[in-house]
N, C-alpha and C. Protein backbone atom coordinates (compact mmCIF):
# COMPACT_ATOMS: atom_id res chain seq x y z
N MET A 1 0.85 -1.15 -0.34
CA MET A 1 0.39 0.11 -0.04
C MET A 1 0.82 1.34 -0.10
N HIS A 2 0.38 2.13 -0.80
CA HIS A 2 1.11 3.21 -1.06
C HIS A 2 0.49 4.53 -0.72
N THR A 3 1.16 5.90 -0.03
CA THR A 3 0.23 6.82 -0.10
C THR A 3 0.51 7.68 -1.32
N VAL A 4 -0.50 8.78 -0.98
CA VAL A 4 -0.29 9.52 -2.59
C VAL A 4 -1.10 11.10 -1.67
N VAL A 5 -0.17 12.03 -2.22
CA VAL A 5 -0.11 13.35 -1.57
C VAL A 5 -0.33 14.61 -2.56
N GLU A 6 -1.93 14.66 -2.60
CA GLU A 6 -2.15 15.65 -4.06
C GLU A 6 -2.39 17.31 -3.71
N ARG A 7 -2.64 17.87 -4.44
CA ARG A 7 -2.66 19.19 -4.17
C ARG A 7 -3.65 20.06 -5.71
N GLU A 8 -4.93 20.78 -5.30
CA GLU A 8 -4.78 20.93 -6.70
C GLU A 8 -4.66 22.56 -6.69
N LEU A 9 -4.18 22.92 -7.38
CA LEU A 9 -3.80 24.42 -7.87
C LEU A 9 -3.97 25.07 -8.88
N GLU A 10 -3.88 26.64 -9.24
CA GLU A 10 -3.81 27.18 -10.35
C GLU A 10 -2.84 27.93 -10.64
N LEU A 11 -2.05 27.65 -11.67
CA LEU A 11 -0.27 28.39 -11.78
C LEU A 11 -1.02 29.41 -13.06
N GLY A 12 -0.47 30.22 -13.07
CA GLY A 12 -0.40 31.36 -14.61
C GLY A 12 0.86 30.38 -15.62
N LEU A 13 0.17 30.61 -16.91
CA LEU A 13 0.64 30.31 -17.80
C LEU A 13 1.03 32.12 -18.19
N VAL A 14 2.42 32.24 -18.25
CA VAL A 14 3.41 34.11 -18.42
C VAL A 14 3.03 33.57 -20.04
N LEU A 15 2.20 34.87 -20.51
CA LEU A 15 2.52 35.18 -21.80
C LEU A 15 3.06 36.47 -22.13
N SER A 16 3.39 37.06 -21.52
CA SER A 16 4.25 38.48 -21.60
C SER A 16 4.72 39.06 -19.87
N PRO A 17 5.42 39.39 -19.60
CA PRO A 17 5.64 39.90 -18.22
C PRO A 17 4.18 40.65 -17.66
N GLY A 18 4.22 40.37 -16.40
CA GLY A 18 2.89 41.10 -15.97
C GLY A 18 1.37 40.36 -16.51
N ARG A 19 1.72 39.61 -17.84
CA ARG A 19 0.35 39.07 -17.71
C ARG A 19 0.29 37.58 -17.91
N SER A 20 -0.88 36.87 -17.44
CA SER A 20 -0.47 35.19 -17.70
C SER A 20 -2.05 34.61 -17.51
N VAL A 21 -2.14 33.56 -18.08
CA VAL A 21 -3.76 33.38 -17.94
C VAL A 21 -3.64 31.99 -17.62
N PRO A 22 -4.96 31.83 -16.32
CA PRO A 22 -4.97 30.73 -15.07
C PRO A 22 -5.09 29.07 -15.97
N VAL A 23 -4.18 28.25 -15.29
CA VAL A 23 -4.18 26.61 -15.99
C VAL A 23 -4.65 26.13 -14.79
N PRO A 24 -5.65 25.56 -14.60
CA PRO A 24 -5.54 24.47 -12.73
C PRO A 24 -4.66 23.26 -13.15
N ALA A 25 -4.03 23.00 -11.95
CA ALA A 25 -3.18 21.79 -12.44
C ALA A 25 -3.57 20.88 -10.85
N ARG A 26 -2.92 19.29 -10.91
CA ARG A 26 -2.75 18.95 -9.88
C ARG A 26 -1.78 18.23 -9.79
N LEU A 27 -0.99 18.68 -8.39
CA LEU A 27 0.44 17.84 -8.34
C LEU A 27 0.28 17.17 -7.63
N THR A 28 0.86 15.81 -7.62
CA THR A 28 0.74 14.51 -7.35
C THR A 28 2.39 14.10 -6.87
N TYR A 29 2.09 13.18 -5.36
CA TYR A 29 3.23 12.61 -5.04
C TYR A 29 3.14 10.96 -4.26
N ARG A 30 3.93 10.05 -5.13
CA ARG A 30 3.40 9.19 -4.79
C ARG A 30 4.64 8.09 -3.66
N THR A 31 4.40 7.40 -2.92
CA THR A 31 5.60 7.02 -2.06
C THR A 31 5.93 5.57 -2.65
N ASP A 32 5.36 5.19 -4.09
CA ASP A 32 5.98 4.19 -4.79
C ASP A 32 6.72 4.73 -6.07
N ASP A 33 6.40 6.06 -6.02
CA ASP A 33 7.60 6.25 -7.20
C ASP A 33 8.29 7.23 -6.43
N PRO A 34 8.98 7.10 -4.98
CA PRO A 34 9.45 8.36 -4.04
C PRO A 34 10.14 9.32 -4.53
N TYR A 35 11.20 9.52 -5.69
CA TYR A 35 11.96 10.85 -6.11
C TYR A 35 11.11 11.82 -7.39
N ALA A 36 10.33 11.62 -7.63
CA ALA A 36 9.28 12.25 -8.32
C ALA A 36 8.16 13.01 -7.77
N VAL A 37 7.99 14.39 -8.77
CA VAL A 37 6.46 14.90 -8.60
C VAL A 37 5.55 14.65 -9.74
N HIS A 38 4.98 14.62 -9.87
CA HIS A 38 4.00 14.65 -10.98
C HIS A 38 2.67 15.84 -11.36
N VAL A 39 2.65 16.39 -12.41
CA VAL A 39 1.88 17.42 -12.45
C VAL A 39 0.72 17.04 -13.68
N ALA A 40 0.07 17.12 -13.28
CA ALA A 40 -1.10 17.29 -14.56
C ALA A 40 -1.42 18.54 -14.81
N PHE A 41 -1.49 19.48 -16.19
CA PHE A 41 -2.18 20.59 -16.42
C PHE A 41 -3.40 19.94 -17.49
N HIS A 42 -4.62 20.39 -16.45
CA HIS A 42 -5.49 20.37 -17.42
C HIS A 42 -6.00 21.58 -17.82
N ILE A 43 -5.92 21.49 -19.35
CA ILE A 43 -6.22 22.91 -20.85
C ILE A 43 -6.85 22.75 -21.24
N GLY A 44 -8.08 21.97 -21.31
CA GLY A 44 -9.31 22.01 -21.98
C GLY A 44 -9.32 20.80 -23.09
N SER A 45 -7.95 20.11 -22.98
CA SER A 45 -8.60 19.04 -23.64
C SER A 45 -8.60 17.80 -23.16
N HIS A 46 -9.27 16.92 -23.66
CA HIS A 46 -9.35 15.73 -23.25
C HIS A 46 -8.72 14.73 -21.90
N SER A 47 -7.82 15.09 -22.41
CA SER A 47 -6.65 14.68 -21.18
C SER A 47 -5.26 15.61 -21.11
N PRO A 48 -5.59 15.56 -19.68
CA PRO A 48 -4.13 16.56 -19.12
C PRO A 48 -2.75 16.20 -19.93
N VAL A 49 -2.20 17.29 -19.51
CA VAL A 49 -0.94 17.49 -20.01
C VAL A 49 -0.66 17.45 -18.67
N ARG A 50 0.74 16.22 -18.80
CA ARG A 50 1.21 15.64 -17.96
C ARG A 50 2.90 15.83 -18.15
N TRP A 51 3.39 16.33 -16.77
CA TRP A 51 5.13 15.86 -16.58
C TRP A 51 5.29 15.47 -15.45
N THR A 52 6.47 14.59 -15.56
CA THR A 52 7.17 14.29 -13.79
C THR A 52 8.21 14.48 -13.99
N PHE A 53 8.99 15.10 -13.02
CA PHE A 53 10.86 15.48 -12.57
C PHE A 53 10.31 15.29 -11.30
N ALA A 54 12.03 15.38 -10.88
CA ALA A 54 12.26 15.23 -9.31
C ALA A 54 12.20 16.21 -8.75
N ARG A 55 11.22 15.23 -7.44
CA ARG A 55 11.13 16.30 -6.34
C ARG A 55 12.21 16.81 -5.91
N GLU A 56 13.30 16.87 -5.99
CA GLU A 56 14.41 17.45 -5.59
C GLU A 56 14.49 18.97 -5.77
N LEU A 57 14.24 18.50 -7.48
CA LEU A 57 14.47 19.74 -8.17
C LEU A 57 12.98 21.16 -7.66
N LEU A 58 12.02 20.76 -7.39
CA LEU A 58 11.51 21.31 -6.85
C LEU A 58 11.14 22.03 -5.73
N VAL A 59 11.88 21.12 -4.63
CA VAL A 59 12.22 21.71 -3.21
C VAL A 59 13.35 22.91 -3.23
N GLU A 60 14.06 22.28 -4.13
CA GLU A 60 15.59 23.31 -4.54
C GLU A 60 14.89 24.44 -5.05
N GLY A 61 14.30 24.73 -6.34
CA GLY A 61 13.64 25.38 -6.93
C GLY A 61 13.06 26.82 -5.94
N VAL A 62 12.17 26.29 -5.07
CA VAL A 62 11.69 27.08 -4.00
C VAL A 62 12.39 28.13 -3.33
N PHE A 63 13.58 27.53 -3.26
CA PHE A 63 14.86 28.75 -2.65
C PHE A 63 15.94 29.23 -3.53
N ARG A 64 16.66 27.92 -4.60
CA ARG A 64 17.06 29.45 -5.94
C ARG A 64 16.82 28.41 -6.63
N PRO A 65 17.84 29.26 -7.89
CA PRO A 65 17.31 28.78 -9.37
C PRO A 65 18.06 27.70 -9.60
N CYS A 66 17.41 26.48 -10.09
CA CYS A 66 17.99 24.84 -9.92
C CYS A 66 17.51 24.53 -11.89
N GLY A 67 18.33 23.24 -12.21
CA GLY A 67 17.61 22.82 -13.36
C GLY A 67 18.12 22.87 -14.20
N ASP A 68 18.56 22.10 -15.24
CA ASP A 68 18.80 22.43 -16.77
C ASP A 68 18.21 21.33 -17.21
N GLY A 69 18.01 21.25 -18.92
CA GLY A 69 17.42 20.59 -19.59
C GLY A 69 16.33 21.02 -19.78
N ASP A 70 14.91 20.10 -19.60
CA ASP A 70 13.62 20.32 -19.68
C ASP A 70 12.54 21.14 -18.41
N VAL A 71 13.66 21.07 -17.53
CA VAL A 71 12.73 21.55 -16.27
C VAL A 71 13.67 22.47 -15.74
N ARG A 72 13.68 23.61 -15.33
CA ARG A 72 14.00 24.64 -14.44
C ARG A 72 13.53 25.45 -13.88
N VAL A 73 13.28 25.60 -12.41
CA VAL A 73 12.37 26.02 -11.46
C VAL A 73 13.86 26.67 -10.51
N TRP A 74 12.45 28.03 -10.02
CA TRP A 74 13.42 29.56 -9.43
C TRP A 74 12.63 30.25 -8.61
N PRO A 75 12.92 30.63 -7.95
CA PRO A 75 11.65 31.32 -6.88
C PRO A 75 12.03 33.22 -7.30
N THR A 76 10.89 33.61 -7.08
CA THR A 76 10.73 35.25 -7.99
C THR A 76 9.95 35.90 -7.15
N LYS A 77 9.96 36.72 -6.74
CA LYS A 77 8.89 38.10 -6.28
C LYS A 77 8.15 39.06 -7.14
N PHE A 78 6.83 39.08 -7.10
CA PHE A 78 6.14 39.88 -8.73
C PHE A 78 4.93 40.85 -7.25
N ASP A 79 5.26 41.97 -7.65
CA ASP A 79 4.07 42.64 -6.73
C ASP A 79 4.02 42.22 -5.14
N GLY A 80 5.13 42.24 -4.61
CA GLY A 80 5.35 41.98 -3.33
C GLY A 80 4.62 40.46 -2.93
N ARG A 81 4.47 39.75 -4.14
CA ARG A 81 3.99 37.95 -3.87
C ARG A 81 5.34 37.23 -4.15
N SER A 82 5.36 36.10 -3.20
CA SER A 82 6.06 35.16 -3.52
C SER A 82 6.26 33.82 -4.47
N LEU A 83 6.37 33.86 -5.20
CA LEU A 83 6.35 32.65 -6.57
C LEU A 83 7.39 31.66 -6.61
N VAL A 84 7.08 30.83 -7.14
CA VAL A 84 7.85 29.82 -7.74
C VAL A 84 7.82 29.52 -9.62
N CYS A 85 8.70 29.92 -10.31
CA CYS A 85 8.36 29.86 -11.77
C CYS A 85 9.56 28.22 -11.83
N ILE A 86 8.42 27.49 -13.24
CA ILE A 86 8.57 26.48 -13.20
C ILE A 86 8.92 26.26 -14.96
N GLU A 87 9.57 26.26 -15.72
CA GLU A 87 9.88 26.41 -17.01
C GLU A 87 9.60 24.91 -17.66
N LEU A 88 8.95 24.59 -18.43
CA LEU A 88 9.30 23.40 -19.11
C LEU A 88 9.22 23.60 -20.62
N ASP A 89 10.96 22.48 -21.35
CA ASP A 89 10.63 22.42 -22.62
C ASP A 89 10.58 21.59 -22.65
N SER A 90 10.06 21.62 -24.57
CA SER A 90 10.10 20.24 -25.15
C SER A 90 9.92 20.81 -26.46
N PRO A 91 9.90 19.49 -26.84
CA PRO A 91 9.76 19.71 -28.37
C PRO A 91 8.45 20.61 -29.16
N ASP A 92 7.84 20.11 -28.14
CA ASP A 92 6.57 20.91 -28.57
C ASP A 92 6.19 22.29 -28.32
N GLY A 93 7.31 22.48 -27.55
CA GLY A 93 7.30 24.30 -27.17
C GLY A 93 7.95 24.63 -25.81
N ARG A 94 7.90 25.15 -25.48
CA ARG A 94 8.31 26.14 -23.75
C ARG A 94 7.04 26.89 -22.93
N ALA A 95 7.38 26.49 -22.01
CA ALA A 95 6.10 27.41 -21.92
C ALA A 95 6.63 27.71 -20.20
N LEU A 96 6.37 28.82 -19.63
CA LEU A 96 7.03 29.24 -18.09
C LEU A 96 5.28 29.47 -17.42
N LEU A 97 5.39 28.62 -16.24
CA LEU A 97 4.37 28.96 -15.14
C LEU A 97 4.60 29.78 -14.07
N GLU A 98 3.61 30.03 -13.37
CA GLU A 98 4.22 30.87 -11.61
C GLU A 98 3.49 30.29 -11.22
N THR A 99 3.69 30.28 -9.60
CA THR A 99 2.22 29.43 -9.03
C THR A 99 3.13 30.34 -7.67
N PRO A 100 1.97 30.20 -6.39
CA PRO A 100 2.51 30.76 -5.57
C PRO A 100 3.41 30.63 -4.74
N ALA A 101 4.31 30.46 -4.39
CA ALA A 101 5.28 29.58 -3.10
C ALA A 101 4.79 29.48 -1.84
N PRO A 102 3.66 29.67 -1.41
CA PRO A 102 3.43 29.24 0.16
C PRO A 102 2.86 28.13 -0.31
N ALA A 103 1.98 27.96 -1.28
CA ALA A 103 1.12 26.69 -1.55
C ALA A 103 1.95 25.61 -2.09
N VAL A 104 3.04 25.71 -3.03
CA VAL A 104 4.29 25.06 -3.09
C VAL A 104 4.76 24.14 -2.28
N SER A 105 5.52 25.36 -1.47
CA SER A 105 5.78 24.35 -0.13
C SER A 105 5.25 24.23 0.76
N ALA A 106 3.58 24.73 0.95
CA ALA A 106 2.77 23.83 1.94
C ALA A 106 2.86 22.07 1.82
N TRP A 107 2.66 22.05 0.28
CA TRP A 107 2.19 20.73 -0.58
C TRP A 107 3.67 20.18 -0.34
N LEU A 108 4.40 20.48 -0.21
CA LEU A 108 5.52 19.88 -0.67
C LEU A 108 6.38 19.44 1.16
N GLU A 109 6.25 20.30 1.84
CA GLU A 109 6.30 19.99 3.06
C GLU A 109 5.58 18.17 3.73
N ARG A 110 4.11 18.56 3.20
CA ARG A 110 3.85 17.88 3.44
C ARG A 110 4.00 15.75 2.70
N THR A 111 5.04 16.13 1.21
CA THR A 111 5.73 15.05 0.74
C THR A 111 6.74 14.74 1.95
N LEU A 112 7.59 15.56 2.08
CA LEU A 112 8.60 15.46 3.25
C LEU A 112 8.11 15.04 4.28
N ARG A 113 7.25 15.19 4.99
CA ARG A 113 6.87 14.75 6.05
C ARG A 113 6.29 12.93 6.07
N VAL A 114 5.98 12.56 4.67
CA VAL A 114 5.27 11.23 3.84
C VAL A 114 6.76 10.96 4.08
N VAL A 115 7.46 11.09 3.60
CA VAL A 115 8.85 10.51 2.63
C VAL A 115 10.13 11.28 2.87
N PRO A 116 10.87 11.61 4.35
CA PRO A 116 11.85 12.39 4.41
C PRO A 116 13.10 12.46 3.58
N PRO A 117 13.41 13.20 3.40
CA PRO A 117 15.01 13.44 2.36
C PRO A 117 15.89 12.21 2.79
N GLY A 118 16.51 11.44 1.93
CA GLY A 118 17.22 10.55 2.03
C GLY A 118 16.75 9.05 2.19
N SER A 119 15.29 8.96 2.71
CA SER A 119 15.04 7.55 3.17
C SER A 119 13.95 7.54 1.83
N GLU A 120 14.04 8.14 0.58
CA GLU A 120 13.39 7.45 -0.91
C GLU A 120 13.86 6.00 -0.90
N GLN A 121 15.09 5.40 -0.68
CA GLN A 121 15.27 4.34 -1.38
C GLN A 121 14.50 3.11 -0.21
N GLY A 122 14.16 3.30 0.47
CA GLY A 122 13.37 2.61 1.45
C GLY A 122 12.02 2.13 0.96
N HIS A 123 11.42 2.82 0.04
CA HIS A 123 10.02 2.93 -0.32
C HIS A 123 9.86 2.62 -1.32
N LEU A 124 11.06 2.02 -2.18
CA LEU A 124 11.29 1.37 -3.39
C LEU A 124 10.75 0.04 -3.51
N ASP A 125 10.00 -0.53 -3.94
CA ASP A 125 9.65 -1.96 -4.04
C ASP A 125 10.66 -2.66 -5.25
N LEU A 126 12.10 -3.00 -4.97
CA LEU A 126 12.68 -3.66 -5.86
C LEU A 126 12.46 -4.52 -6.67
N ASP A 127 11.93 -4.86 -5.38
CA ASP A 127 11.59 -6.90 -5.50
C ASP A 127 10.63 -6.90 -6.78
N LYS A 128 9.79 -6.33 -6.58
CA LYS A 128 8.47 -5.87 -7.41
C LYS A 128 8.76 -5.56 -8.97
N GLY A 129 9.96 -4.70 -9.18
CA GLY A 129 10.44 -3.81 -10.34
C GLY A 129 10.77 -4.93 -11.47
N LEU A 130 11.80 -5.44 -10.46
CA LEU A 130 12.75 -6.49 -11.00
C LEU A 130 11.54 -7.89 -11.85
N SER A 131 10.99 -7.97 -10.94
CA SER A 131 9.77 -9.17 -11.19
C SER A 131 9.52 -8.74 -12.48
N GLU A 132 8.79 -7.65 -12.56
CA GLU A 132 7.84 -6.83 -13.57
C GLU A 132 9.16 -6.65 -14.94
N LEU A 133 10.00 -6.76 -14.91
CA LEU A 133 11.12 -6.53 -16.01
C LEU A 133 11.33 -7.85 -16.14
N LEU A 134 11.62 -8.71 -15.28
CA LEU A 134 11.90 -9.77 -16.10
C LEU A 134 10.97 -10.38 -16.62
N ALA A 135 9.45 -10.33 -16.12
CA ALA A 135 8.56 -11.06 -16.52
C ALA A 135 8.11 -10.35 -18.39
N MET A 136 8.80 -9.15 -18.31
CA MET A 136 8.68 -8.63 -19.83
C MET A 136 9.71 -9.82 -20.64
N ALA A 137 10.79 -9.68 -20.05
CA ALA A 137 11.91 -10.24 -20.95
C ALA A 137 11.29 -12.31 -21.44
N PRO A 138 12.24 -12.11 -22.85
CA PRO A 138 11.91 -13.41 -23.66
C PRO A 138 12.87 -14.48 -22.43
N THR A 139 11.81 -16.00 -22.40
CA THR A 139 12.89 -16.74 -21.25
C THR A 139 13.40 -17.43 -22.38
N GLU A 140 14.31 -18.58 -21.72
CA GLU A 140 14.98 -19.24 -22.48
C GLU A 140 14.00 -20.79 -22.86
N ALA A 141 13.25 -20.62 -21.90
CA ALA A 141 11.79 -21.74 -22.62
C ALA A 141 11.18 -21.36 -23.79
N ALA A 142 11.05 -20.36 -23.75
CA ALA A 142 10.53 -19.61 -25.35
C ALA A 142 11.36 -19.89 -26.47
N GLU A 143 12.64 -19.54 -26.01
CA GLU A 143 13.21 -19.34 -26.88
C GLU A 143 13.75 -20.66 -27.66
N GLU A 144 13.54 -21.77 -26.94
CA GLU A 144 14.25 -23.41 -27.12
C GLU A 144 13.01 -23.88 -27.97
N GLN A 145 11.50 -23.26 -27.86
CA GLN A 145 9.90 -23.41 -28.27
C GLN A 145 10.09 -22.72 -29.93
N ARG A 146 10.94 -21.48 -30.00
CA ARG A 146 11.09 -20.92 -31.26
C ARG A 146 11.79 -22.00 -32.67
N PRO A 147 10.86 -22.54 -33.96
CA PRO A 147 11.42 -23.13 -34.92
C PRO A 147 13.26 -23.25 -35.02
N GLY A 148 13.69 -24.37 -34.63
CA GLY A 148 15.04 -24.44 -35.17
C GLY A 148 15.74 -23.98 -34.04
N GLY A 149 14.83 -23.61 -32.76
CA GLY A 149 15.90 -23.97 -30.73
C GLY A 149 16.97 -22.82 -30.94
N PRO A 150 18.05 -22.44 -29.99
CA PRO A 150 18.53 -21.77 -29.62
C PRO A 150 19.98 -22.15 -30.46
N GLY A 151 20.47 -20.69 -31.00
CA GLY A 151 21.37 -20.35 -31.61
C GLY A 151 21.47 -21.20 -32.84
N THR A 152 20.28 -21.88 -33.14
CA THR A 152 20.76 -22.21 -34.88
C THR A 152 20.24 -21.04 -35.48
N SER A 153 20.01 -21.16 -36.86
CA SER A 153 20.15 -19.96 -38.17
C SER A 153 18.92 -21.08 -38.69
N GLU A 154 17.68 -19.97 -39.49
CA GLU A 154 16.48 -20.79 -39.95
C GLU A 154 16.85 -20.73 -41.23
N GLU A 155 18.34 -20.70 -42.06
CA GLU A 155 18.53 -20.41 -43.61
C GLU A 155 19.35 -21.67 -43.51
N SER A 156 19.41 -22.35 -44.82
CA SER A 156 19.67 -23.49 -45.03
C SER A 156 21.41 -23.97 -45.24
N PRO A 157 22.31 -24.59 -44.73
CA PRO A 157 23.36 -24.58 -45.20
C PRO A 157 23.79 -24.70 -46.44
N GLU A 158 24.62 -24.82 -46.72
CA GLU A 158 25.19 -24.56 -48.25
C GLU A 158 25.33 -25.94 -48.76
N PRO A 159 25.32 -26.23 -50.35
CA PRO A 159 25.16 -27.66 -50.42
C PRO A 159 26.81 -28.08 -50.16
N GLY A 160 26.96 -28.89 -49.60
CA GLY A 160 28.09 -29.92 -49.78
C GLY A 160 28.78 -29.17 -48.39
N ALA A 161 28.39 -28.58 -47.44
CA ALA A 161 29.28 -27.91 -46.06
C ALA A 161 29.04 -29.42 -45.61
């Protein structure tokens, strides 16, 4: 059994300095995936746009700029409000989102109480994951049942060989 910590909130999709449009989102943290945070953006389509990235990146980004590549996070202030900016970069484009820092911080604190930093490994079910991977791999028995058996070629030998 695992624990899920969720938070619905509204992020602002920044269109230009001082101008943004609201984007409803759901932050999700699951103890069966203890290193990650999941964000689902509800943008009016049939299914939400989903992003997954390191919880540590979001924790650090509340205090100082961090990240490189597809996800960058940093704190800022605008009109006296503390905000967290999240920049997402994909082949489809780039999005800059902002959200109130207190809302993100409160949600992160809940995740950190459920799984303190440094204890994530203890929440991974490595045996289950390994079993699932092995179940997907072809077995030797299946290989032996293949026409020609293991290590044989389906090509006929050259005459006189």
